[in-house]
Amino acid sequence: MQKTSLIALSRHELEQAREASSGRSAKTVFGGHEHQLRQTVIALRAGEELSEHENPGEATLQVLEGRVLLKSGEASWNGSPGDLLTIPDGLHSLDAVEDSVIMLTVVKLR
């Protein structure tokens, strides 16, 4: 069993993102290449984005801190702390409206 404080990790990753030239920081808390399930905490400075990309499998995004905007085509969804968004199939992007931390959960399709 492994225990991770998402509050402490969010705080740390957001500090890293604020200092990084890219404006982002991430840490995989579970999974990796040898697993189908992967959970990653991602921090983004306000105004930064994860540019449009494909969905590698089934995925959700949980907002831990801040506010984000998930976009897919003409549709968009706002996310605030405590919100769980299902990431649509196909191309999508994510904008950080405020300094934000999310937990991305992905199950890779084989």
PDB file of N, CA and C in Angstrom:
ATOM      1  N   MET A   1       0.845  -1.181   0.000  1.00  0.00           N
ATOM      2  CA  MET A   1       0.000   0.000   0.000  1.00  0.00           C
ATOM      3  C   MET A   1       0.881   1.232   0.000  1.00  0.00           C
ATOM      4  N   GLN A   2       0.424   2.245  -0.697  1.00  0.00           N
ATOM      5  CA  GLN A   2       1.146   3.520  -0.754  1.00  0.00           C
ATOM      6  C   GLN A   2       0.164   4.630  -0.427  1.00  0.00           C
ATOM      7  N   LYS A   3       0.591   5.580   0.388  1.00  0.00           N
ATOM      8  CA  LYS A   3      -0.251   6.710   0.756  1.00  0.00           C
ATOM      9  C   LYS A   3       0.420   7.987   0.276  1.00  0.00           C
ATOM     10  N   THR A   4      -0.361   8.852  -0.388  1.00  0.00           N
ATOM     11  CA  THR A   4       0.147  10.125  -0.884  1.00  0.00           C
ATOM     12  C   THR A   4      -0.780  11.235  -0.438  1.00  0.00           C
ATOM     13  N   SER A   5      -0.238  12.306   0.111  1.00  0.00           N
ATOM     14  CA  SER A   5      -1.038  13.473   0.447  1.00  0.00           C
ATOM     15  C   SER A   5      -1.178  14.333  -0.801  1.00  0.00           C
ATOM     16  N   LEU A   6      -2.380  14.357  -1.366  1.00  0.00           N
ATOM     17  CA  LEU A   6      -2.606  15.169  -2.558  1.00  0.00           C
ATOM     18  C   LEU A   6      -2.511  16.655  -2.242  1.00  0.00           C
ATOM     19  N   ILE A   7      -2.820  17.032  -1.015  1.00  0.00           N
ATOM     20  CA  ILE A   7      -2.710  18.440  -0.615  1.00  0.00           C
ATOM     21  C   ILE A   7      -1.253  18.870  -0.622  1.00  0.00           C
ATOM     22  N   ALA A   8      -0.382  18.080   0.021  1.00  0.00           N
ATOM     23  CA  ALA A   8       1.046  18.414   0.059  1.00  0.00           C
ATOM     24  C   ALA A   8       1.659  18.353  -1.337  1.00  0.00           C
ATOM     25  N   LEU A   9       1.297  17.335  -2.109  1.00  0.00           N
ATOM     26  CA  LEU A   9       1.836  17.200  -3.455  1.00  0.00           C
ATOM     27  C   LEU A   9       1.370  18.353  -4.342  1.00  0.00           C
ATOM     28  N   SER A  10       0.108  18.755  -4.212  1.00  0.00           N
ATOM     29  CA  SER A  10      -0.410  19.891  -4.980  1.00  0.00           C
ATOM     30  C   SER A  10       0.370  21.153  -4.664  1.00  0.00           C
ATOM     31  N   ARG A  11       0.595  21.390  -3.395  1.00  0.00           N
ATOM     32  CA  ARG A  11       1.354  22.572  -2.962  1.00  0.00           C
ATOM     33  C   ARG A  11       2.759  22.555  -3.572  1.00  0.00           C
ATOM     34  N   HIS A  12       3.419  21.413  -3.503  1.00  0.00           N
ATOM     35  CA  HIS A  12       4.784  21.283  -4.033  1.00  0.00           C
ATOM     36  C   HIS A  12       4.816  21.488  -5.546  1.00  0.00           C
ATOM     37  N   GLU A  13       3.922  20.810  -6.270  1.00  0.00           N
ATOM     38  CA  GLU A  13       3.926  20.910  -7.724  1.00  0.00           C
ATOM     39  C   GLU A  13       3.581  22.326  -8.193  1.00  0.00           C
ATOM     40  N   LEU A  14       2.685  23.009  -7.469  1.00  0.00           N
ATOM     41  CA  LEU A  14       2.335  24.374  -7.845  1.00  0.00           C
ATOM     42  C   LEU A  14       3.521  25.318  -7.625  1.00  0.00           C
ATOM     43  N   GLU A  15       4.279  25.119  -6.550  1.00  0.00           N
ATOM     44  CA  GLU A  15       5.508  25.895  -6.337  1.00  0.00           C
ATOM     45  C   GLU A  15       6.487  25.672  -7.484  1.00  0.00           C
ATOM     46  N   GLN A  16       6.633  24.402  -7.896  1.00  0.00           N
ATOM     47  CA  GLN A  16       7.528  24.073  -9.007  1.00  0.00           C
ATOM     48  C   GLN A  16       7.065  24.735 -10.312  1.00  0.00           C
ATOM     49  N   ALA A  17       5.766  24.707 -10.564  1.00  0.00           N
ATOM     50  CA  ALA A  17       5.214  25.301 -11.788  1.00  0.00           C
ATOM     51  C   ALA A  17       5.430  26.806 -11.809  1.00  0.00           C
ATOM     52  N   ARG A  18       5.269  27.450 -10.667  1.00  0.00           N
ATOM     53  CA  ARG A  18       5.451  28.907 -10.598  1.00  0.00           C
ATOM     54  C   ARG A  18       6.890  29.303 -10.900  1.00  0.00           C
ATOM     55  N   GLU A  19       7.842  28.426 -10.586  1.00  0.00           N
ATOM     56  CA  GLU A  19       9.262  28.714 -10.816  1.00  0.00           C
ATOM     57  C   GLU A  19       9.746  28.240 -12.193  1.00  0.00           C
ATOM     58  N   ALA A  20       9.043  27.313 -12.813  1.00  0.00           N
ATOM     59  CA  ALA A  20       9.491  26.729 -14.080  1.00  0.00           C
ATOM     60  C   ALA A  20       9.237  27.673 -15.249  1.00  0.00           C
ATOM     61  N   SER A  21      10.156  27.704 -16.194  1.00  0.00           N
ATOM     62  CA  SER A  21       9.978  28.543 -17.386  1.00  0.00           C
ATOM     63  C   SER A  21       8.768  28.100 -18.200  1.00  0.00           C
ATOM     64  N   SER A  22       8.426  26.817 -18.139  1.00  0.00           N
ATOM     65  CA  SER A  22       7.270  26.288 -18.873  1.00  0.00           C
ATOM     66  C   SER A  22       5.945  26.620 -18.189  1.00  0.00           C
ATOM     67  N   GLY A  23       6.012  26.978 -16.901  1.00  0.00           N
ATOM     68  CA  GLY A  23       4.795  27.269 -16.154  1.00  0.00           C
ATOM     69  C   GLY A  23       4.017  26.044 -15.747  1.00  0.00           C
ATOM     70  N   ARG A  24       4.690  24.889 -15.765  1.00  0.00           N
ATOM     71  CA  ARG A  24       3.999  23.649 -15.394  1.00  0.00           C
ATOM     72  C   ARG A  24       4.935  22.694 -14.673  1.00  0.00           C
ATOM     73  N   SER A  25       4.325  21.771 -13.946  1.00  0.00           N
ATOM     74  CA  SER A  25       5.066  20.726 -13.249  1.00  0.00           C
ATOM     75  C   SER A  25       4.130  19.537 -13.090  1.00  0.00           C
ATOM     76  N   ALA A  26       4.693  18.330 -13.073  1.00  0.00           N
ATOM     77  CA  ALA A  26       3.850  17.143 -12.966  1.00  0.00           C
ATOM     78  C   ALA A  26       4.591  16.027 -12.244  1.00  0.00           C
ATOM     79  N   LYS A  27       3.808  15.175 -11.576  1.00  0.00           N
ATOM     80  CA  LYS A  27       4.357  13.997 -10.913  1.00  0.00           C
ATOM     81  C   LYS A  27       3.345  12.871 -11.034  1.00  0.00           C
ATOM     82  N   THR A  28       3.796  11.729 -11.531  1.00  0.00           N
ATOM     83  CA  THR A  28       2.940  10.546 -11.580  1.00  0.00           C
ATOM     84  C   THR A  28       2.900   9.946 -10.184  1.00  0.00           C
ATOM     85  N   VAL A  29       1.692   9.806  -9.641  1.00  0.00           N
ATOM     86  CA  VAL A  29       1.541   9.271  -8.292  1.00  0.00           C
ATOM     87  C   VAL A  29       1.230   7.779  -8.308  1.00  0.00           C
ATOM     88  N   PHE A  30       0.718   7.297  -9.431  1.00  0.00           N
ATOM     89  CA  PHE A  30       0.493   5.860  -9.571  1.00  0.00           C
ATOM     90  C   PHE A  30       0.592   5.505 -11.041  1.00  0.00           C
ATOM     91  N   GLY A  31       1.146   4.339 -11.310  1.00  0.00           N
ATOM     92  CA  GLY A  31       1.186   3.826 -12.671  1.00  0.00           C
ATOM     93  C   GLY A  31       2.501   4.111 -13.348  1.00  0.00           C
ATOM     94  N   GLY A  32       2.457   4.098 -14.627  1.00  0.00           N
ATOM     95  CA  GLY A  32       3.644   4.254 -15.445  1.00  0.00           C
ATOM     96  C   GLY A  32       3.511   3.365 -16.654  1.00  0.00           C
ATOM     97  N   HIS A  33       4.593   3.172 -17.349  1.00  0.00           N
ATOM     98  CA  HIS A  33       4.556   2.405 -18.587  1.00  0.00           C
ATOM     99  C   HIS A  33       4.182   0.942 -18.382  1.00  0.00           C
ATOM    100  N   GLU A  34       4.433   0.406 -17.192  1.00  0.00           N
ATOM    101  CA  GLU A  34       4.136  -0.992 -16.944  1.00  0.00           C
ATOM    102  C   GLU A  34       2.691  -1.231 -16.478  1.00  0.00           C
ATOM    103  N   HIS A  35       1.897  -0.162 -16.305  1.00  0.00           N
ATOM    104  CA  HIS A  35       0.512  -0.260 -15.848  1.00  0.00           C
ATOM    105  C   HIS A  35      -0.437   0.311 -16.893  1.00  0.00           C
ATOM    106  N   GLN A  36      -1.678  -0.129 -16.859  1.00  0.00           N
ATOM    107  CA  GLN A  36      -2.697   0.478 -17.716  1.00  0.00           C
ATOM    108  C   GLN A  36      -3.238   1.749 -17.083  1.00  0.00           C
ATOM    109  N   LEU A  37      -3.351   1.773 -15.756  1.00  0.00           N
ATOM    110  CA  LEU A  37      -3.863   2.937 -15.034  1.00  0.00           C
ATOM    111  C   LEU A  37      -2.702   3.858 -14.687  1.00  0.00           C
ATOM    112  N   ARG A  38      -2.899   5.153 -14.935  1.00  0.00           N
ATOM    113  CA  ARG A  38      -1.888   6.146 -14.552  1.00  0.00           C
ATOM    114  C   ARG A  38      -2.603   7.347 -13.952  1.00  0.00           C
ATOM    115  N   GLN A  39      -2.107   7.807 -12.794  1.00  0.00           N
ATOM    116  CA  GLN A  39      -2.626   9.005 -12.158  1.00  0.00           C
ATOM    117  C   GLN A  39      -1.473   9.989 -11.997  1.00  0.00           C
ATOM    118  N   THR A  40      -1.678  11.190 -12.532  1.00  0.00           N
ATOM    119  CA  THR A  40      -0.636  12.209 -12.537  1.00  0.00           C
ATOM    120  C   THR A  40      -1.195  13.516 -12.000  1.00  0.00           C
ATOM    121  N   VAL A  41      -0.479  14.114 -11.059  1.00  0.00           N
ATOM    122  CA  VAL A  41      -0.825  15.444 -10.561  1.00  0.00           C
ATOM    123  C   VAL A  41      -0.080  16.443 -11.434  1.00  0.00           C
ATOM    124  N   ILE A  42      -0.831  17.378 -12.021  1.00  0.00           N
ATOM    125  CA  ILE A  42      -0.273  18.377 -12.926  1.00  0.00           C
ATOM    126  C   ILE A  42      -0.613  19.762 -12.400  1.00  0.00           C
ATOM    127  N   ALA A  43       0.408  20.602 -12.277  1.00  0.00           N
ATOM    128  CA  ALA A  43       0.216  21.987 -11.847  1.00  0.00           C
ATOM    129  C   ALA A  43       0.514  22.907 -13.021  1.00  0.00           C
ATOM    130  N   LEU A  44      -0.329  23.927 -13.189  1.00  0.00           N
ATOM    131  CA  LEU A  44      -0.172  24.911 -14.262  1.00  0.00           C
ATOM    132  C   LEU A  44      -0.325  26.314 -13.682  1.00  0.00           C
ATOM    133  N   ARG A  45       0.590  27.199 -14.068  1.00  0.00           N
ATOM    134  CA  ARG A  45       0.437  28.609 -13.714  1.00  0.00           C
ATOM    135  C   ARG A  45      -0.745  29.194 -14.469  1.00  0.00           C
ATOM    136  N   ALA A  46      -1.381  30.212 -13.913  1.00  0.00           N
ATOM    137  CA  ALA A  46      -2.480  30.893 -14.597  1.00  0.00           C
ATOM    138  C   ALA A  46      -2.023  31.330 -15.979  1.00  0.00           C
ATOM    139  N   GLY A  47      -2.877  31.100 -16.980  1.00  0.00           N
ATOM    140  CA  GLY A  47      -2.567  31.486 -18.345  1.00  0.00           C
ATOM    141  C   GLY A  47      -1.844  30.426 -19.157  1.00  0.00           C
ATOM    142  N   GLU A  48      -1.358  29.373 -18.521  1.00  0.00           N
ATOM    143  CA  GLU A  48      -0.672  28.287 -19.238  1.00  0.00           C
ATOM    144  C   GLU A  48      -1.713  27.295 -19.751  1.00  0.00           C
ATOM    145  N   GLU A  49      -1.301  26.453 -20.682  1.00  0.00           N
ATOM    146  CA  GLU A  49      -2.221  25.468 -21.230  1.00  0.00           C
ATOM    147  C   GLU A  49      -1.501  24.169 -21.553  1.00  0.00           C
ATOM    148  N   LEU A  50      -2.291  23.121 -21.634  1.00  0.00           N
ATOM    149  CA  LEU A  50      -1.842  21.875 -22.242  1.00  0.00           C
ATOM    150  C   LEU A  50      -2.472  21.929 -23.626  1.00  0.00           C
ATOM    151  N   SER A  51      -1.652  22.132 -24.645  1.00  0.00           N
ATOM    152  CA  SER A  51      -2.174  22.343 -25.988  1.00  0.00           C
ATOM    153  C   SER A  51      -2.933  21.119 -26.491  1.00  0.00           C
ATOM    154  N   GLU A  52      -3.655  21.296 -27.567  1.00  0.00           N
ATOM    155  CA  GLU A  52      -4.525  20.263 -28.102  1.00  0.00           C
ATOM    156  C   GLU A  52      -3.768  18.955 -28.336  1.00  0.00           C
ATOM    157  N   HIS A  53      -4.339  17.871 -27.846  1.00  0.00           N
ATOM    158  CA  HIS A  53      -3.729  16.553 -27.972  1.00  0.00           C
ATOM    159  C   HIS A  53      -4.824  15.493 -27.945  1.00  0.00           C
ATOM    160  N   GLU A  54      -4.471  14.280 -28.384  1.00  0.00           N
ATOM    161  CA  GLU A  54      -5.406  13.152 -28.407  1.00  0.00           C
ATOM    162  C   GLU A  54      -5.540  12.542 -27.016  1.00  0.00           C
ATOM    163  N   ASN A  55      -6.644  11.888 -26.781  1.00  0.00           N
ATOM    164  CA  ASN A  55      -6.875  11.151 -25.556  1.00  0.00           C
ATOM    165  C   ASN A  55      -6.280   9.754 -25.734  1.00  0.00           C
ATOM    166  N   PRO A  56      -5.320   9.346 -24.867  1.00  0.00           N
ATOM    167  CA  PRO A  56      -4.678   8.039 -25.039  1.00  0.00           C
ATOM    168  C   PRO A  56      -5.519   6.864 -24.557  1.00  0.00           C
ATOM    169  N   GLY A  57      -6.671   7.136 -23.976  1.00  0.00           N
ATOM    170  CA  GLY A  57      -7.533   6.074 -23.445  1.00  0.00           C
ATOM    171  C   GLY A  57      -8.673   6.712 -22.691  1.00  0.00           C
ATOM    172  N   GLU A  58      -9.295   5.968 -21.808  1.00  0.00           N
ATOM    173  CA  GLU A  58     -10.330   6.559 -20.964  1.00  0.00           C
ATOM    174  C   GLU A  58      -9.647   7.451 -19.936  1.00  0.00           C
ATOM    175  N   ALA A  59     -10.200   8.661 -19.714  1.00  0.00           N
ATOM    176  CA  ALA A  59      -9.519   9.599 -18.827  1.00  0.00           C
ATOM    177  C   ALA A  59     -10.500  10.522 -18.116  1.00  0.00           C
ATOM    178  N   THR A  60     -10.117  10.886 -16.885  1.00  0.00           N
ATOM    179  CA  THR A  60     -10.843  11.901 -16.124  1.00  0.00           C
ATOM    180  C   THR A  60      -9.840  12.899 -15.579  1.00  0.00           C
ATOM    181  N   LEU A  61     -10.376  14.050 -15.230  1.00  0.00           N
ATOM    182  CA  LEU A  61      -9.565  15.124 -14.676  1.00  0.00           C
ATOM    183  C   LEU A  61     -10.271  15.612 -13.419  1.00  0.00           C
ATOM    184  N   GLN A  62      -9.586  15.605 -12.286  1.00  0.00           N
ATOM    185  CA  GLN A  62     -10.144  16.104 -11.040  1.00  0.00           C
ATOM    186  C   GLN A  62      -9.415  17.383 -10.678  1.00  0.00           C
ATOM    187  N   VAL A  63     -10.168  18.456 -10.466  1.00  0.00           N
ATOM    188  CA  VAL A  63      -9.555  19.734 -10.103  1.00  0.00           C
ATOM    189  C   VAL A  63      -9.297  19.735  -8.600  1.00  0.00           C
ATOM    190  N   LEU A  64      -8.024  19.880  -8.231  1.00  0.00           N
ATOM    191  CA  LEU A  64      -7.640  19.912  -6.824  1.00  0.00           C
ATOM    192  C   LEU A  64      -7.533  21.349  -6.317  1.00  0.00           C
ATOM    193  N   GLU A  65      -7.120  22.257  -7.198  1.00  0.00           N
ATOM    194  CA  GLU A  65      -6.936  23.665  -6.816  1.00  0.00           C
ATOM    195  C   GLU A  65      -7.052  24.532  -8.063  1.00  0.00           C
ATOM    196  N   GLY A  66      -7.617  25.734  -7.920  1.00  0.00           N
ATOM    197  CA  GLY A  66      -7.696  26.681  -9.022  1.00  0.00           C
ATOM    198  C   GLY A  66      -8.904  26.445  -9.913  1.00  0.00           C
ATOM    199  N   ARG A  67      -8.826  27.024 -11.120  1.00  0.00           N
ATOM    200  CA  ARG A  67      -9.902  26.878 -12.109  1.00  0.00           C
ATOM    201  C   ARG A  67      -9.288  26.589 -13.471  1.00  0.00           C
ATOM    202  N   VAL A  68      -9.901  25.653 -14.198  1.00  0.00           N
ATOM    203  CA  VAL A  68      -9.417  25.256 -15.520  1.00  0.00           C
ATOM    204  C   VAL A  68     -10.564  25.270 -16.520  1.00  0.00           C
ATOM    205  N   LEU A  69     -10.192  25.273 -17.796  1.00  0.00           N
ATOM    206  CA  LEU A  69     -11.162  25.195 -18.876  1.00  0.00           C
ATOM    207  C   LEU A  69     -10.723  24.074 -19.807  1.00  0.00           C
ATOM    208  N   LEU A  70     -11.546  23.015 -19.896  1.00  0.00           N
ATOM    209  CA  LEU A  70     -11.290  21.879 -20.777  1.00  0.00           C
ATOM    210  C   LEU A  70     -12.046  22.140 -22.070  1.00  0.00           C
ATOM    211  N   LYS A  71     -11.343  22.070 -23.210  1.00  0.00           N
ATOM    212  CA  LYS A  71     -11.971  22.363 -24.499  1.00  0.00           C
ATOM    213  C   LYS A  71     -11.798  21.180 -25.450  1.00  0.00           C
ATOM    214  N   SER A  72     -12.868  20.923 -26.198  1.00  0.00           N
ATOM    215  CA  SER A  72     -12.836  19.888 -27.234  1.00  0.00           C
ATOM    216  C   SER A  72     -13.733  20.373 -28.360  1.00  0.00           C
ATOM    217  N   GLY A  73     -13.137  20.722 -29.500  1.00  0.00           N
ATOM    218  CA  GLY A  73     -13.915  21.270 -30.600  1.00  0.00           C
ATOM    219  C   GLY A  73     -14.582  22.567 -30.179  1.00  0.00           C
ATOM    220  N   GLU A  74     -15.879  22.663 -30.383  1.00  0.00           N
ATOM    221  CA  GLU A  74     -16.641  23.866 -30.015  1.00  0.00           C
ATOM    222  C   GLU A  74     -17.131  23.819 -28.567  1.00  0.00           C
ATOM    223  N   ALA A  75     -16.987  22.686 -27.907  1.00  0.00           N
ATOM    224  CA  ALA A  75     -17.480  22.520 -26.535  1.00  0.00           C
ATOM    225  C   ALA A  75     -16.390  22.863 -25.527  1.00  0.00           C
ATOM    226  N   SER A  76     -16.823  23.371 -24.358  1.00  0.00           N
ATOM    227  CA  SER A  76     -15.870  23.637 -23.274  1.00  0.00           C
ATOM    228  C   SER A  76     -16.570  23.424 -21.929  1.00  0.00           C
ATOM    229  N   TRP A  77     -15.773  23.076 -20.932  1.00  0.00           N
ATOM    230  CA  TRP A  77     -16.278  22.806 -19.588  1.00  0.00           C
ATOM    231  C   TRP A  77     -15.372  23.497 -18.585  1.00  0.00           C
ATOM    232  N   ASN A  78     -15.974  24.224 -17.632  1.00  0.00           N
ATOM    233  CA  ASN A  78     -15.232  24.847 -16.547  1.00  0.00           C
ATOM    234  C   ASN A  78     -15.049  23.845 -15.427  1.00  0.00           C
ATOM    235  N   GLY A  79     -13.884  23.878 -14.797  1.00  0.00           N
ATOM    236  CA  GLY A  79     -13.620  23.008 -13.658  1.00  0.00           C
ATOM    237  C   GLY A  79     -13.106  23.811 -12.485  1.00  0.00           C
ATOM    238  N   SER A  80     -13.658  23.566 -11.307  1.00  0.00           N
ATOM    239  CA  SER A  80     -13.260  24.208 -10.050  1.00  0.00           C
ATOM    240  C   SER A  80     -12.929  23.121  -9.037  1.00  0.00           C
ATOM    241  N   PRO A  81     -12.310  23.482  -7.902  1.00  0.00           N
ATOM    242  CA  PRO A  81     -11.936  22.466  -6.917  1.00  0.00           C
ATOM    243  C   PRO A  81     -13.094  21.538  -6.557  1.00  0.00           C
ATOM    244  N   GLY A  82     -12.813  20.243  -6.621  1.00  0.00           N
ATOM    245  CA  GLY A  82     -13.811  19.229  -6.316  1.00  0.00           C
ATOM    246  C   GLY A  82     -14.522  18.702  -7.540  1.00  0.00           C
ATOM    247  N   ASP A  83     -14.378  19.372  -8.696  1.00  0.00           N
ATOM    248  CA  ASP A  83     -15.035  18.911  -9.918  1.00  0.00           C
ATOM    249  C   ASP A  83     -14.263  17.756 -10.547  1.00  0.00           C
ATOM    250  N   LEU A  84     -15.010  16.817 -11.098  1.00  0.00           N
ATOM    251  CA  LEU A  84     -14.451  15.696 -11.848  1.00  0.00           C
ATOM    252  C   LEU A  84     -15.006  15.795 -13.261  1.00  0.00           C
ATOM    253  N   LEU A  85     -14.126  15.967 -14.233  1.00  0.00           N
ATOM    254  CA  LEU A  85     -14.525  16.093 -15.633  1.00  0.00           C
ATOM    255  C   LEU A  85     -14.094  14.841 -16.386  1.00  0.00           C
ATOM    256  N   THR A  86     -14.989  14.301 -17.186  1.00  0.00           N
ATOM    257  CA  THR A  86     -14.652  13.180 -18.065  1.00  0.00           C
ATOM    258  C   THR A  86     -14.067  13.774 -19.338  1.00  0.00           C
ATOM    259  N   ILE A  87     -12.867  13.353 -19.680  1.00  0.00           N
ATOM    260  CA  ILE A  87     -12.201  13.891 -20.854  1.00  0.00           C
ATOM    261  C   ILE A  87     -12.773  13.213 -22.093  1.00  0.00           C
ATOM    262  N   PRO A  88     -13.223  14.024 -23.057  1.00  0.00           N
ATOM    263  CA  PRO A  88     -13.844  13.435 -24.250  1.00  0.00           C
ATOM    264  C   PRO A  88     -12.827  12.719 -25.129  1.00  0.00           C
ATOM    265  N   ASP A  89     -13.329  11.777 -25.925  1.00  0.00           N
ATOM    266  CA  ASP A  89     -12.483  11.131 -26.928  1.00  0.00           C
ATOM    267  C   ASP A  89     -12.064  12.189 -27.941  1.00  0.00           C
ATOM    268  N   GLY A  90     -10.927  12.010 -28.523  1.00  0.00           N
ATOM    269  CA  GLY A  90     -10.475  12.923 -29.567  1.00  0.00           C
ATOM    270  C   GLY A  90      -9.648  14.077 -29.033  1.00  0.00           C
ATOM    271  N   LEU A  91      -9.429  15.057 -29.896  1.00  0.00           N
ATOM    272  CA  LEU A  91      -8.582  16.201 -29.553  1.00  0.00           C
ATOM    273  C   LEU A  91      -9.220  17.056 -28.470  1.00  0.00           C
ATOM    274  N   HIS A  92      -8.391  17.501 -27.534  1.00  0.00           N
ATOM    275  CA  HIS A  92      -8.844  18.378 -26.462  1.00  0.00           C
ATOM    276  C   HIS A  92      -7.646  19.168 -25.942  1.00  0.00           C
ATOM    277  N   SER A  93      -7.926  20.238 -25.205  1.00  0.00           N
ATOM    278  CA  SER A  93      -6.874  21.042 -24.585  1.00  0.00           C
ATOM    279  C   SER A  93      -7.358  21.499 -23.223  1.00  0.00           C
ATOM    280  N   LEU A  94      -6.426  22.022 -22.417  1.00  0.00           N
ATOM    281  CA  LEU A  94      -6.754  22.470 -21.074  1.00  0.00           C
ATOM    282  C   LEU A  94      -6.067  23.803 -20.811  1.00  0.00           C
ATOM    283  N   ASP A  95      -6.842  24.791 -20.383  1.00  0.00           N
ATOM    284  CA  ASP A  95      -6.316  26.107 -20.025  1.00  0.00           C
ATOM    285  C   ASP A  95      -6.424  26.305 -18.522  1.00  0.00           C
ATOM    286  N   ALA A  96      -5.380  26.873 -17.923  1.00  0.00           N
ATOM    287  CA  ALA A  96      -5.420  27.234 -16.505  1.00  0.00           C
ATOM    288  C   ALA A  96      -5.926  28.674 -16.397  1.00  0.00           C
ATOM    289  N   VAL A  97      -7.126  28.841 -15.891  1.00  0.00           N
ATOM    290  CA  VAL A  97      -7.717  30.164 -15.701  1.00  0.00           C
ATOM    291  C   VAL A  97      -7.043  30.845 -14.508  1.00  0.00           C
ATOM    292  N   GLU A  98      -6.728  30.077 -13.493  1.00  0.00           N
ATOM    293  CA  GLU A  98      -5.983  30.518 -12.307  1.00  0.00           C
ATOM    294  C   GLU A  98      -4.829  29.540 -12.123  1.00  0.00           C
ATOM    295  N   ASP A  99      -3.890  29.845 -11.212  1.00  0.00           N
ATOM    296  CA  ASP A  99      -2.902  28.839 -10.841  1.00  0.00           C
ATOM    297  C   ASP A  99      -3.707  27.605 -10.435  1.00  0.00           C
ATOM    298  N   SER A 100      -3.413  26.458 -11.040  1.00  0.00           N
ATOM    299  CA  SER A 100      -4.273  25.292 -10.877  1.00  0.00           C
ATOM    300  C   SER A 100      -3.486  24.011 -10.713  1.00  0.00           C
ATOM    301  N   VAL A 101      -4.112  23.060 -10.036  1.00  0.00           N
ATOM    302  CA  VAL A 101      -3.570  21.708  -9.900  1.00  0.00           C
ATOM    303  C   VAL A 101      -4.704  20.736 -10.199  1.00  0.00           C
ATOM    304  N   ILE A 102      -4.409  19.760 -11.055  1.00  0.00           N
ATOM    305  CA  ILE A 102      -5.391  18.735 -11.399  1.00  0.00           C
ATOM    306  C   ILE A 102      -4.775  17.363 -11.169  1.00  0.00           C
ATOM    307  N   MET A 103      -5.623  16.364 -11.021  1.00  0.00           N
ATOM    308  CA  MET A 103      -5.155  14.987 -11.062  1.00  0.00           C
ATOM    309  C   MET A 103      -5.776  14.349 -12.293  1.00  0.00           C
ATOM    310  N   LEU A 104      -4.917  13.943 -13.211  1.00  0.00           N
ATOM    311  CA  LEU A 104      -5.330  13.278 -14.437  1.00  0.00           C
ATOM    312  C   LEU A 104      -5.264  11.774 -14.212  1.00  0.00           C
ATOM    313  N   THR A 105      -6.356  11.092 -14.469  1.00  0.00           N
ATOM    314  CA  THR A 105      -6.410   9.639 -14.373  1.00  0.00           C
ATOM    315  C   THR A 105      -6.674   9.088 -15.760  1.00  0.00           C
ATOM    316  N   VAL A 106      -5.800   8.204 -16.226  1.00  0.00           N
ATOM    317  CA  VAL A 106      -5.905   7.633 -17.575  1.00  0.00           C
ATOM    318  C   VAL A 106      -5.790   6.126 -17.489  1.00  0.00           C
ATOM    319  N   VAL A 107      -6.664   5.445 -18.208  1.00  0.00           N
ATOM    320  CA  VAL A 107      -6.538   4.006 -18.430  1.00  0.00           C
ATOM    321  C   VAL A 107      -6.231   3.860 -19.905  1.00  0.00           C
ATOM    322  N   LYS A 108      -5.008   3.432 -20.199  1.00  0.00           N
ATOM    323  CA  LYS A 108      -4.589   3.290 -21.585  1.00  0.00           C
ATOM    324  C   LYS A 108      -5.323   2.146 -22.261  1.00  0.00           C
ATOM    325  N   LEU A 109      -5.787   2.405 -23.470  1.00  0.00           N
ATOM    326  CA  LEU A 109      -6.413   1.351 -24.258  1.00  0.00           C
ATOM    327  C   LEU A 109      -5.323   0.543 -24.913  1.00  0.00           C
ATOM    328  N   ARG A 110      -5.488  -0.762 -24.976  1.00  0.00           N
ATOM    329  CA  ARG A 110      -4.461  -1.616 -25.579  1.00  0.00           C
ATOM    330  C   ARG A 110      -4.620  -1.696 -27.063  1.00  0.00           C
TER     331      ARG A 110
END
